[in-house]
Amino acid sequence: MVNPKATTTTRRGRDVLLRALGSSVELKVAYTRHRGHGTELAHDAAAHGVDLVVTLGGDGTVNEVVNGLMPAGDSAATRPALAVVPGGSTNVFARALGLPKDSTEGTGVILEALREKRYRAVSLGRADERYFTFCAGLGLDAEVVRRVEYARRQGNTSNPLLYLRSVFSPYFLGTDRKNPPVTMECPGEPAEDGISMVIVQNTAPWTYLGDRAVNPCPQASFDSGLDLLALRGLKLPSTLRTARQVLSRRPDPRGRRVLRRHDLAGFTLSADRPMAFQLDGEYLGEREKVQFMAVPLALRVVC
């Protein structure tokens, strides 16, 4: 499954990688043509009984393919396996699996893993009916993703500076920081209200700034449930303090306005007004309610 618009590969480079993969497995190449096409192609591939789906693209391509594979069986053993060749600007999922961020090196690791029959079962997250591999966000986090996507459509290069620039405008101009709208409900716990933004992680890291991992929830893992970091209000001093903690080399964000949860099986976020929403770094519009759940050992990946 190839995204021809993948940001860090060229047509010639993709051809070289595909020939290398085709030398080890029987390969049928399909190109994504529009948003959501990866889901359709993966669903068709599973319906035709393929054993392995390989993606060449970024985290958005991976997310679409995963959502096409998940309905194909009732366990990881009955679904096609997934191999991820990193081809996007950040490649969080591939790097969280321990793969190199370079597509050529990543292909080499995958070919070696295929020869050695090296697979790993990973858990996924689910937000309503859509699966995600590494993160979700409601509020400011998702608003930043929306602005980055818009900037990229205007021809801007995706890089750490673009993400940092995209934080300032929504924080100072686009967010009602005085009236936190979100409530979190978790089975067996009192509801938590007065929340301004929420980051959900299925693994660590949450993202990368260049080569530096960013870890709001450093305990998050493919081998456990979902982790969550929420901020009660977005006052500048406490927000800057939390940002410093998250960006430190030993992240451990805490404070009166910080809410953290580890290894959750499920929870619900509801808001009294529409909030920006993202999954795996893809902006999905605005939501007023999202139900999250962890899906243990959902998919086999080659790594």
C-alpha atoms as a PDB file:
ATOM      1  CA  MET A   1       0.000   0.000   0.000  1.00  0.00           C
ATOM      2  CA  VAL A   2       1.821   3.085  -1.233  1.00  0.00           C
ATOM      3  CA  ASN A   3       0.983   6.709  -0.579  1.00  0.00           C
ATOM      4  CA  PRO A   4       2.466   8.472  -3.655  1.00  0.00           C
ATOM      5  CA  LYS A   5       2.419  11.773  -1.725  1.00  0.00           C
ATOM      6  CA  ALA A   6       4.550  10.456   1.150  1.00  0.00           C
ATOM      7  CA  THR A   7       6.715  13.369   2.183  1.00  0.00           C
ATOM      8  CA  THR A   8      10.126  11.726   2.570  1.00  0.00           C
ATOM      9  CA  THR A   9      10.264   9.446  -0.468  1.00  0.00           C
ATOM     10  CA  THR A  10      10.715  10.081  -4.188  1.00  0.00           C
ATOM     11  CA  ARG A  11       9.254   8.079  -7.042  1.00  0.00           C
ATOM     12  CA  ARG A  12      12.660   6.562  -7.790  1.00  0.00           C
ATOM     13  CA  GLY A  13      13.220   5.780  -4.113  1.00  0.00           C
ATOM     14  CA  ARG A  14       9.814   4.100  -3.846  1.00  0.00           C
ATOM     15  CA  ASP A  15      10.581   1.959  -6.897  1.00  0.00           C
ATOM     16  CA  VAL A  16      13.840   0.773  -5.314  1.00  0.00           C
ATOM     17  CA  LEU A  17      12.093  -0.107  -2.040  1.00  0.00           C
ATOM     18  CA  LEU A  18       9.300  -1.949  -3.833  1.00  0.00           C
ATOM     19  CA  ARG A  19      11.776  -4.005  -5.849  1.00  0.00           C
ATOM     20  CA  ALA A  20      13.598  -4.923  -2.653  1.00  0.00           C
ATOM     21  CA  LEU A  21      10.362  -6.035  -0.989  1.00  0.00           C
ATOM     22  CA  GLY A  22       9.241  -7.856  -4.141  1.00  0.00           C
ATOM     23  CA  SER A  23      12.425  -9.919  -4.072  1.00  0.00           C
ATOM     24  CA  SER A  24      11.335 -11.539  -0.791  1.00  0.00           C
ATOM     25  CA  VAL A  25       7.541 -11.702  -0.974  1.00  0.00           C
ATOM     26  CA  GLU A  26       4.923 -11.966  -3.689  1.00  0.00           C
ATOM     27  CA  LEU A  27       4.036  -8.287  -3.940  1.00  0.00           C
ATOM     28  CA  LYS A  28       1.012  -6.567  -5.429  1.00  0.00           C
ATOM     29  CA  VAL A  29       1.318  -2.776  -5.350  1.00  0.00           C
ATOM     30  CA  ALA A  30      -1.664  -0.480  -4.792  1.00  0.00           C
ATOM     31  CA  TYR A  31      -1.509   3.329  -4.613  1.00  0.00           C
ATOM     32  CA  THR A  32      -3.774   5.412  -2.420  1.00  0.00           C
ATOM     33  CA  ARG A  33      -5.603   8.089  -4.406  1.00  0.00           C
ATOM     34  CA  HIS A  34      -7.612   9.997  -1.834  1.00  0.00           C
ATOM     35  CA  ARG A  35      -8.293  10.254   1.877  1.00  0.00           C
ATOM     36  CA  GLY A  36      -9.796   7.008   3.132  1.00  0.00           C
ATOM     37  CA  HIS A  37      -8.591   5.001   0.134  1.00  0.00           C
ATOM     38  CA  GLY A  38      -6.077   3.098   2.275  1.00  0.00           C
ATOM     39  CA  THR A  39      -8.940   1.726   4.365  1.00  0.00           C
ATOM     40  CA  GLU A  40     -10.764   0.531   1.256  1.00  0.00           C
ATOM     41  CA  LEU A  41      -7.658  -1.105  -0.203  1.00  0.00           C
ATOM     42  CA  ALA A  42      -6.744  -2.845   3.072  1.00  0.00           C
ATOM     43  CA  HIS A  43     -10.306  -4.135   3.486  1.00  0.00           C
ATOM     44  CA  ASP A  44     -10.228  -5.551  -0.063  1.00  0.00           C
ATOM     45  CA  ALA A  45      -6.817  -7.123   0.517  1.00  0.00           C
ATOM     46  CA  ALA A  46      -8.055  -8.854   3.674  1.00  0.00           C
ATOM     47  CA  ALA A  47     -11.176 -10.049   1.868  1.00  0.00           C
ATOM     48  CA  HIS A  48      -8.929 -11.679  -0.765  1.00  0.00           C
ATOM     49  CA  GLY A  49      -7.009 -13.572   1.914  1.00  0.00           C
ATOM     50  CA  VAL A  50      -3.627 -11.858   1.863  1.00  0.00           C
ATOM     51  CA  ASP A  51      -1.263 -12.741   4.701  1.00  0.00           C
ATOM     52  CA  LEU A  52       0.608  -9.442   4.898  1.00  0.00           C
ATOM     53  CA  VAL A  53      -0.084  -5.791   4.088  1.00  0.00           C
ATOM     54  CA  VAL A  54       2.913  -3.458   3.722  1.00  0.00           C
ATOM     55  CA  THR A  55       2.473   0.297   3.939  1.00  0.00           C
ATOM     56  CA  LEU A  56       4.837   2.883   2.475  1.00  0.00           C
ATOM     57  CA  GLY A  57       3.741   6.256   3.785  1.00  0.00           C
ATOM     58  CA  GLY A  58       3.231   8.199   6.975  1.00  0.00           C
ATOM     59  CA  ASP A  59       1.130   7.693  10.084  1.00  0.00           C
ATOM     60  CA  GLY A  60      -2.054   8.714   8.264  1.00  0.00           C
ATOM     61  CA  THR A  61      -1.592   5.906   5.741  1.00  0.00           C
ATOM     62  CA  VAL A  62      -0.923   3.425   8.547  1.00  0.00           C
ATOM     63  CA  ASN A  63      -4.076   4.514  10.378  1.00  0.00           C
ATOM     64  CA  GLU A  64      -6.232   4.039   7.300  1.00  0.00           C
ATOM     65  CA  VAL A  65      -4.799   0.587   6.607  1.00  0.00           C
ATOM     66  CA  VAL A  66      -5.257  -0.517  10.224  1.00  0.00           C
ATOM     67  CA  ASN A  67      -8.912   0.511  10.061  1.00  0.00           C
ATOM     68  CA  GLY A  68      -9.296  -1.568   6.915  1.00  0.00           C
ATOM     69  CA  LEU A  69      -7.689  -4.635   8.514  1.00  0.00           C
ATOM     70  CA  MET A  70      -9.436  -4.662  11.884  1.00  0.00           C
ATOM     71  CA  PRO A  71     -12.865  -5.860  10.663  1.00  0.00           C
ATOM     72  CA  ALA A  72     -11.185  -8.772   8.848  1.00  0.00           C
ATOM     73  CA  GLY A  73     -11.080 -11.139  11.837  1.00  0.00           C
ATOM     74  CA  ASP A  74     -11.826 -11.559  15.508  1.00  0.00           C
ATOM     75  CA  SER A  75      -8.191 -11.699  16.684  1.00  0.00           C
ATOM     76  CA  ALA A  76      -4.689 -10.749  15.601  1.00  0.00           C
ATOM     77  CA  ALA A  77      -4.106 -14.319  14.433  1.00  0.00           C
ATOM     78  CA  THR A  78      -6.982 -14.179  11.942  1.00  0.00           C
ATOM     79  CA  ARG A  79      -6.132 -10.782  10.449  1.00  0.00           C
ATOM     80  CA  PRO A  80      -3.409 -10.050   7.898  1.00  0.00           C
ATOM     81  CA  ALA A  81      -0.147  -8.935   9.486  1.00  0.00           C
ATOM     82  CA  LEU A  82       1.117  -5.382   8.960  1.00  0.00           C
ATOM     83  CA  ALA A  83       4.577  -4.159   7.967  1.00  0.00           C
ATOM     84  CA  VAL A  84       5.300  -0.429   8.037  1.00  0.00           C
ATOM     85  CA  VAL A  85       7.947   1.178   5.822  1.00  0.00           C
ATOM     86  CA  PRO A  86       8.373   4.735   7.154  1.00  0.00           C
ATOM     87  CA  GLY A  87       7.705   7.328   4.454  1.00  0.00           C
ATOM     88  CA  GLY A  88       6.120  10.266   6.271  1.00  0.00           C
ATOM     89  CA  SER A  89       7.558  13.282   8.020  1.00  0.00           C
ATOM     90  CA  THR A  90       7.360  11.886  11.575  1.00  0.00           C
ATOM     91  CA  ASN A  91       6.551   8.131  11.429  1.00  0.00           C
ATOM     92  CA  VAL A  92       5.609   7.855  15.105  1.00  0.00           C
ATOM     93  CA  PHE A  93       4.095   4.369  14.871  1.00  0.00           C
ATOM     94  CA  ALA A  94       7.064   2.860  13.018  1.00  0.00           C
ATOM     95  CA  ARG A  95       9.581   4.450  15.381  1.00  0.00           C
ATOM     96  CA  ALA A  96       7.572   3.353  18.433  1.00  0.00           C
ATOM     97  CA  LEU A  97       7.972  -0.199  17.106  1.00  0.00           C
ATOM     98  CA  GLY A  98      11.739   0.320  17.080  1.00  0.00           C
ATOM     99  CA  LEU A  99      12.071   0.711  13.307  1.00  0.00           C
ATOM    100  CA  PRO A 100      14.516   3.245  11.839  1.00  0.00           C
ATOM    101  CA  LYS A 101      12.948   6.490  10.599  1.00  0.00           C
ATOM    102  CA  ASP A 102      14.770   6.138   7.253  1.00  0.00           C
ATOM    103  CA  SER A 103      12.710   4.239   4.679  1.00  0.00           C
ATOM    104  CA  THR A 104      15.676   2.313   3.228  1.00  0.00           C
ATOM    105  CA  GLU A 105      16.904   1.173   6.626  1.00  0.00           C
ATOM    106  CA  GLY A 106      13.321   0.414   7.661  1.00  0.00           C
ATOM    107  CA  THR A 107      12.876  -1.799   4.606  1.00  0.00           C
ATOM    108  CA  GLY A 108      16.035  -3.682   5.531  1.00  0.00           C
ATOM    109  CA  VAL A 109      14.742  -4.359   9.043  1.00  0.00           C
ATOM    110  CA  ILE A 110      11.391  -5.554   7.678  1.00  0.00           C
ATOM    111  CA  LEU A 111      13.045  -7.902   5.175  1.00  0.00           C
ATOM    112  CA  GLU A 112      15.176  -9.355   7.955  1.00  0.00           C
ATOM    113  CA  ALA A 113      12.116  -9.768  10.193  1.00  0.00           C
ATOM    114  CA  LEU A 114      10.226 -11.528   7.404  1.00  0.00           C
ATOM    115  CA  ARG A 115      13.100 -13.959   6.865  1.00  0.00           C
ATOM    116  CA  GLU A 116      13.213 -14.672  10.600  1.00  0.00           C
ATOM    117  CA  LYS A 117       9.396 -14.712  10.919  1.00  0.00           C
ATOM    118  CA  ARG A 118       9.563 -11.975  13.560  1.00  0.00           C
ATOM    119  CA  TYR A 119       6.118 -10.695  14.534  1.00  0.00           C
ATOM    120  CA  ARG A 120       4.728  -8.778  17.485  1.00  0.00           C
ATOM    121  CA  ALA A 121       1.114  -8.447  18.619  1.00  0.00           C
ATOM    122  CA  VAL A 122       0.261  -4.856  19.570  1.00  0.00           C
ATOM    123  CA  SER A 123      -2.773  -3.319  21.198  1.00  0.00           C
ATOM    124  CA  LEU A 124      -4.727  -0.504  19.571  1.00  0.00           C
ATOM    125  CA  GLY A 125      -6.985   2.258  20.792  1.00  0.00           C
ATOM    126  CA  ARG A 126     -10.492   2.859  19.531  1.00  0.00           C
ATOM    127  CA  ALA A 127     -12.350   6.169  19.522  1.00  0.00           C
ATOM    128  CA  ASP A 128     -16.027   5.505  18.812  1.00  0.00           C
ATOM    129  CA  GLU A 129     -15.771   3.267  15.725  1.00  0.00           C
ATOM    130  CA  ARG A 130     -12.296   4.276  14.524  1.00  0.00           C
ATOM    131  CA  TYR A 131      -9.048   2.646  15.599  1.00  0.00           C
ATOM    132  CA  PHE A 132      -5.791   4.456  16.294  1.00  0.00           C
ATOM    133  CA  THR A 133      -2.247   3.201  16.705  1.00  0.00           C
ATOM    134  CA  PHE A 134      -0.462   5.716  18.946  1.00  0.00           C
ATOM    135  CA  CYS A 135      -2.437   8.826  19.926  1.00  0.00           C
ATOM    136  CA  ALA A 136      -5.649  10.819  19.976  1.00  0.00           C
ATOM    137  CA  GLY A 137      -6.417  14.337  21.129  1.00  0.00           C
ATOM    138  CA  LEU A 138      -9.360  16.556  21.978  1.00  0.00           C
ATOM    139  CA  GLY A 139      -8.933  20.323  22.195  1.00  0.00           C
ATOM    140  CA  LEU A 140      -5.740  22.329  21.685  1.00  0.00           C
ATOM    141  CA  ASP A 141      -3.663  19.341  20.546  1.00  0.00           C
ATOM    142  CA  ALA A 142      -6.124  18.628  17.724  1.00  0.00           C
ATOM    143  CA  GLU A 143      -6.439  22.306  16.825  1.00  0.00           C
ATOM    144  CA  VAL A 144      -2.671  22.384  16.265  1.00  0.00           C
ATOM    145  CA  VAL A 145      -2.957  19.339  13.988  1.00  0.00           C
ATOM    146  CA  ARG A 146      -5.707  21.096  12.020  1.00  0.00           C
ATOM    147  CA  ARG A 147      -3.526  24.148  11.472  1.00  0.00           C
ATOM    148  CA  VAL A 148      -0.508  22.073  10.474  1.00  0.00           C
ATOM    149  CA  GLU A 149      -2.601  20.189   7.901  1.00  0.00           C
ATOM    150  CA  TYR A 150      -3.837  23.483   6.460  1.00  0.00           C
ATOM    151  CA  ALA A 151      -0.287  24.875   6.298  1.00  0.00           C
ATOM    152  CA  ARG A 152       0.934  21.744   4.492  1.00  0.00           C
ATOM    153  CA  ARG A 153      -1.846  22.071   1.917  1.00  0.00           C
ATOM    154  CA  GLN A 154      -0.567  25.609   1.306  1.00  0.00           C
ATOM    155  CA  GLY A 155       2.862  24.228   0.492  1.00  0.00           C
ATOM    156  CA  ASN A 156       4.624  24.548   3.845  1.00  0.00           C
ATOM    157  CA  THR A 157       7.083  21.853   4.883  1.00  0.00           C
ATOM    158  CA  SER A 158       6.163  19.770   7.905  1.00  0.00           C
ATOM    159  CA  ASN A 159       8.855  20.286  10.540  1.00  0.00           C
ATOM    160  CA  PRO A 160       9.135  21.027  14.276  1.00  0.00           C
ATOM    161  CA  LEU A 161       9.061  24.784  13.681  1.00  0.00           C
ATOM    162  CA  LEU A 162       5.739  24.530  11.840  1.00  0.00           C
ATOM    163  CA  TYR A 163       4.206  22.644  14.780  1.00  0.00           C
ATOM    164  CA  LEU A 164       5.526  25.141  17.313  1.00  0.00           C
ATOM    165  CA  ARG A 165       4.204  28.093  15.273  1.00  0.00           C
ATOM    166  CA  SER A 166       0.829  26.369  15.051  1.00  0.00           C
ATOM    167  CA  VAL A 167       0.505  26.311  18.853  1.00  0.00           C
ATOM    168  CA  PHE A 168       0.517  30.051  19.486  1.00  0.00           C
ATOM    169  CA  SER A 169      -2.477  31.235  17.471  1.00  0.00           C
ATOM    170  CA  PRO A 170      -5.001  28.656  18.759  1.00  0.00           C
ATOM    171  CA  TYR A 171      -3.744  29.042  22.322  1.00  0.00           C
ATOM    172  CA  PHE A 172      -3.949  32.830  22.480  1.00  0.00           C
ATOM    173  CA  LEU A 173      -6.760  33.486  19.979  1.00  0.00           C
ATOM    174  CA  GLY A 174      -8.710  30.313  19.328  1.00  0.00           C
ATOM    175  CA  THR A 175      -9.225  28.752  22.777  1.00  0.00           C
ATOM    176  CA  ASP A 176     -11.641  29.759  25.529  1.00  0.00           C
ATOM    177  CA  ARG A 177      -9.170  29.293  28.376  1.00  0.00           C
ATOM    178  CA  LYS A 178     -11.538  30.562  31.071  1.00  0.00           C
ATOM    179  CA  ASN A 179     -14.330  27.991  30.613  1.00  0.00           C
ATOM    180  CA  PRO A 180     -12.950  24.437  30.373  1.00  0.00           C
ATOM    181  CA  PRO A 181     -15.673  22.424  28.587  1.00  0.00           C
ATOM    182  CA  VAL A 182     -14.642  18.753  28.875  1.00  0.00           C
ATOM    183  CA  THR A 183     -15.773  16.076  31.343  1.00  0.00           C
ATOM    184  CA  MET A 184     -14.117  12.672  31.645  1.00  0.00           C
ATOM    185  CA  GLU A 185     -16.114   9.645  32.809  1.00  0.00           C
ATOM    186  CA  CYS A 186     -14.305   6.436  33.681  1.00  0.00           C
ATOM    187  CA  PRO A 187     -16.101   3.355  35.034  1.00  0.00           C
ATOM    188  CA  GLY A 188     -15.785   3.085  38.805  1.00  0.00           C
ATOM    189  CA  GLU A 189     -14.455   6.623  39.266  1.00  0.00           C
ATOM    190  CA  PRO A 190     -16.089  10.005  39.939  1.00  0.00           C
ATOM    191  CA  ALA A 191     -16.465  12.172  36.826  1.00  0.00           C
ATOM    192  CA  GLU A 192     -13.690  14.729  36.269  1.00  0.00           C
ATOM    193  CA  ASP A 193     -14.894  18.036  34.838  1.00  0.00           C
ATOM    194  CA  GLY A 194     -13.306  21.416  34.164  1.00  0.00           C
ATOM    195  CA  ILE A 195     -10.918  19.952  31.565  1.00  0.00           C
ATOM    196  CA  SER A 196      -9.612  22.050  28.655  1.00  0.00           C
ATOM    197  CA  MET A 197      -7.650  19.534  26.577  1.00  0.00           C
ATOM    198  CA  VAL A 198      -6.920  15.818  26.555  1.00  0.00           C
ATOM    199  CA  ILE A 199      -4.087  13.759  25.090  1.00  0.00           C
ATOM    200  CA  VAL A 200      -4.628   9.989  24.813  1.00  0.00           C
ATOM    201  CA  GLN A 201      -1.741   7.603  24.129  1.00  0.00           C
ATOM    202  CA  ASN A 202      -1.682   3.963  23.090  1.00  0.00           C
ATOM    203  CA  THR A 203       2.108   3.906  23.257  1.00  0.00           C
ATOM    204  CA  ALA A 204       5.045   6.203  23.930  1.00  0.00           C
ATOM    205  CA  PRO A 205       6.125   8.538  22.521  1.00  0.00           C
ATOM    206  CA  TRP A 206       3.197  10.786  21.689  1.00  0.00           C
ATOM    207  CA  THR A 207       5.179  12.387  18.858  1.00  0.00           C
ATOM    208  CA  TYR A 208       8.663  13.560  17.918  1.00  0.00           C
ATOM    209  CA  LEU A 209      10.221  16.989  17.495  1.00  0.00           C
ATOM    210  CA  GLY A 210      12.940  16.051  15.042  1.00  0.00           C
ATOM    211  CA  ASP A 211      14.817  13.231  16.751  1.00  0.00           C
ATOM    212  CA  ARG A 212      13.511  14.081  20.201  1.00  0.00           C
ATOM    213  CA  ALA A 213      10.696  11.981  21.611  1.00  0.00           C
ATOM    214  CA  VAL A 214       7.845  13.881  23.281  1.00  0.00           C
ATOM    215  CA  ASN A 215       6.235  11.913  26.122  1.00  0.00           C
ATOM    216  CA  PRO A 216       3.233  13.373  27.971  1.00  0.00           C
ATOM    217  CA  CYS A 217       2.403   9.814  29.121  1.00  0.00           C
ATOM    218  CA  PRO A 218       5.801   8.077  29.416  1.00  0.00           C
ATOM    219  CA  GLN A 219       4.312   4.818  30.760  1.00  0.00           C
ATOM    220  CA  ALA A 220       2.086   4.270  27.718  1.00  0.00           C
ATOM    221  CA  SER A 221       2.782   0.981  25.954  1.00  0.00           C
ATOM    222  CA  PHE A 222       1.517  -1.303  23.193  1.00  0.00           C
ATOM    223  CA  ASP A 223       1.302  -3.955  25.941  1.00  0.00           C
ATOM    224  CA  SER A 224      -1.167  -2.128  28.211  1.00  0.00           C
ATOM    225  CA  GLY A 225      -4.374  -0.093  28.035  1.00  0.00           C
ATOM    226  CA  LEU A 226      -4.708   3.590  27.194  1.00  0.00           C
ATOM    227  CA  ASP A 227      -2.913   6.408  28.995  1.00  0.00           C
ATOM    228  CA  LEU A 228      -4.269   9.922  29.359  1.00  0.00           C
ATOM    229  CA  LEU A 229      -2.997  13.393  30.191  1.00  0.00           C
ATOM    230  CA  ALA A 230      -5.542  16.184  30.636  1.00  0.00           C
ATOM    231  CA  LEU A 231      -5.163  19.816  31.628  1.00  0.00           C
ATOM    232  CA  ARG A 232      -7.664  21.519  33.915  1.00  0.00           C
ATOM    233  CA  GLY A 233      -7.662  24.949  32.318  1.00  0.00           C
ATOM    234  CA  LEU A 234      -4.980  26.475  30.130  1.00  0.00           C
ATOM    235  CA  LYS A 235      -3.620  29.304  32.234  1.00  0.00           C
ATOM    236  CA  LEU A 236      -0.275  30.401  30.845  1.00  0.00           C
ATOM    237  CA  PRO A 237       1.986  29.678  33.878  1.00  0.00           C
ATOM    238  CA  SER A 238       0.666  26.144  34.477  1.00  0.00           C
ATOM    239  CA  THR A 239       0.537  25.342  30.746  1.00  0.00           C
ATOM    240  CA  LEU A 240       4.165  26.419  30.273  1.00  0.00           C
ATOM    241  CA  ARG A 241       5.207  24.410  33.327  1.00  0.00           C
ATOM    242  CA  THR A 242       3.512  21.281  31.964  1.00  0.00           C
ATOM    243  CA  ALA A 243       5.048  21.834  28.518  1.00  0.00           C
ATOM    244  CA  ARG A 244       8.493  22.040  30.141  1.00  0.00           C
ATOM    245  CA  GLN A 245       7.861  18.829  32.044  1.00  0.00           C
ATOM    246  CA  VAL A 246       6.660  17.025  28.900  1.00  0.00           C
ATOM    247  CA  LEU A 247       9.694  18.152  26.887  1.00  0.00           C
ATOM    248  CA  SER A 248      12.219  17.234  29.564  1.00  0.00           C
ATOM    249  CA  ARG A 249      14.502  14.240  29.112  1.00  0.00           C
ATOM    250  CA  ARG A 250      12.756  12.484  32.003  1.00  0.00           C
ATOM    251  CA  PRO A 251       9.134  13.539  31.537  1.00  0.00           C
ATOM    252  CA  ASP A 252       6.876  13.282  34.573  1.00  0.00           C
ATOM    253  CA  PRO A 253       4.174  15.949  34.166  1.00  0.00           C
ATOM    254  CA  ARG A 254       2.324  16.695  37.390  1.00  0.00           C
ATOM    255  CA  GLY A 255       0.605  19.539  39.228  1.00  0.00           C
ATOM    256  CA  ARG A 256      -2.786  20.707  40.473  1.00  0.00           C
ATOM    257  CA  ARG A 257      -4.017  21.274  36.945  1.00  0.00           C
ATOM    258  CA  VAL A 258      -2.671  18.002  35.518  1.00  0.00           C
ATOM    259  CA  LEU A 259      -4.785  14.848  35.370  1.00  0.00           C
ATOM    260  CA  ARG A 260      -3.038  11.605  34.443  1.00  0.00           C
ATOM    261  CA  ARG A 261      -4.315   8.056  34.083  1.00  0.00           C
ATOM    262  CA  HIS A 262      -2.471   4.853  33.162  1.00  0.00           C
ATOM    263  CA  ASP A 263      -3.634   1.560  31.629  1.00  0.00           C
ATOM    264  CA  LEU A 264      -7.311   2.440  31.144  1.00  0.00           C
ATOM    265  CA  ALA A 265      -9.653  -0.093  29.540  1.00  0.00           C
ATOM    266  CA  GLY A 266     -12.110   2.617  28.528  1.00  0.00           C
ATOM    267  CA  PHE A 267     -13.502   6.066  29.264  1.00  0.00           C
ATOM    268  CA  THR A 268     -15.711   8.763  27.747  1.00  0.00           C
ATOM    269  CA  LEU A 269     -14.960  12.411  27.021  1.00  0.00           C
ATOM    270  CA  SER A 270     -17.851  14.825  26.600  1.00  0.00           C
ATOM    271  CA  ALA A 271     -17.832  18.582  26.039  1.00  0.00           C
ATOM    272  CA  ASP A 272     -20.441  21.314  26.274  1.00  0.00           C
ATOM    273  CA  ARG A 273     -19.322  22.710  22.914  1.00  0.00           C
ATOM    274  CA  PRO A 274     -17.710  21.220  19.774  1.00  0.00           C
ATOM    275  CA  MET A 275     -13.985  20.527  20.219  1.00  0.00           C
ATOM    276  CA  ALA A 276     -11.254  19.821  17.664  1.00  0.00           C
ATOM    277  CA  PHE A 277     -10.472  16.091  17.470  1.00  0.00           C
ATOM    278  CA  GLN A 278      -7.532  14.136  16.022  1.00  0.00           C
ATOM    279  CA  LEU A 279      -6.381  10.529  15.714  1.00  0.00           C
ATOM    280  CA  ASP A 280      -2.802   9.521  14.875  1.00  0.00           C
ATOM    281  CA  GLY A 281      -2.034  13.077  13.804  1.00  0.00           C
ATOM    282  CA  GLU A 282      -5.012  13.348  11.417  1.00  0.00           C
ATOM    283  CA  TYR A 283      -7.611  16.046  12.043  1.00  0.00           C
ATOM    284  CA  LEU A 284     -11.133  14.550  12.045  1.00  0.00           C
ATOM    285  CA  GLY A 285     -13.309  17.602  12.664  1.00  0.00           C
ATOM    286  CA  GLU A 286     -15.095  18.596  15.865  1.00  0.00           C
ATOM    287  CA  ARG A 287     -16.735  16.364  18.439  1.00  0.00           C
ATOM    288  CA  GLU A 288     -18.820  16.866  21.559  1.00  0.00           C
ATOM    289  CA  LYS A 289     -18.519  13.272  22.796  1.00  0.00           C
ATOM    290  CA  VAL A 290     -16.003  10.485  22.169  1.00  0.00           C
ATOM    291  CA  GLN A 291     -15.948   7.022  23.722  1.00  0.00           C
ATOM    292  CA  PHE A 292     -12.489   5.461  24.010  1.00  0.00           C
ATOM    293  CA  MET A 293     -11.531   1.863  24.621  1.00  0.00           C
ATOM    294  CA  ALA A 294      -8.349  -0.214  24.537  1.00  0.00           C
ATOM    295  CA  VAL A 295      -8.247  -3.200  22.180  1.00  0.00           C
ATOM    296  CA  PRO A 296      -5.650  -5.635  23.547  1.00  0.00           C
ATOM    297  CA  LEU A 297      -3.314  -7.549  21.216  1.00  0.00           C
ATOM    298  CA  ALA A 298      -5.315  -6.464  18.196  1.00  0.00           C
ATOM    299  CA  LEU A 299      -2.829  -6.697  15.336  1.00  0.00           C
ATOM    300  CA  ARG A 300       0.353  -8.539  14.323  1.00  0.00           C
ATOM    301  CA  VAL A 301       3.144  -6.304  13.063  1.00  0.00           C
ATOM    302  CA  VAL A 302       6.432  -7.202  11.444  1.00  0.00           C
ATOM    303  CA  CYS A 303       9.341  -5.672  13.345  1.00  0.00           C
END
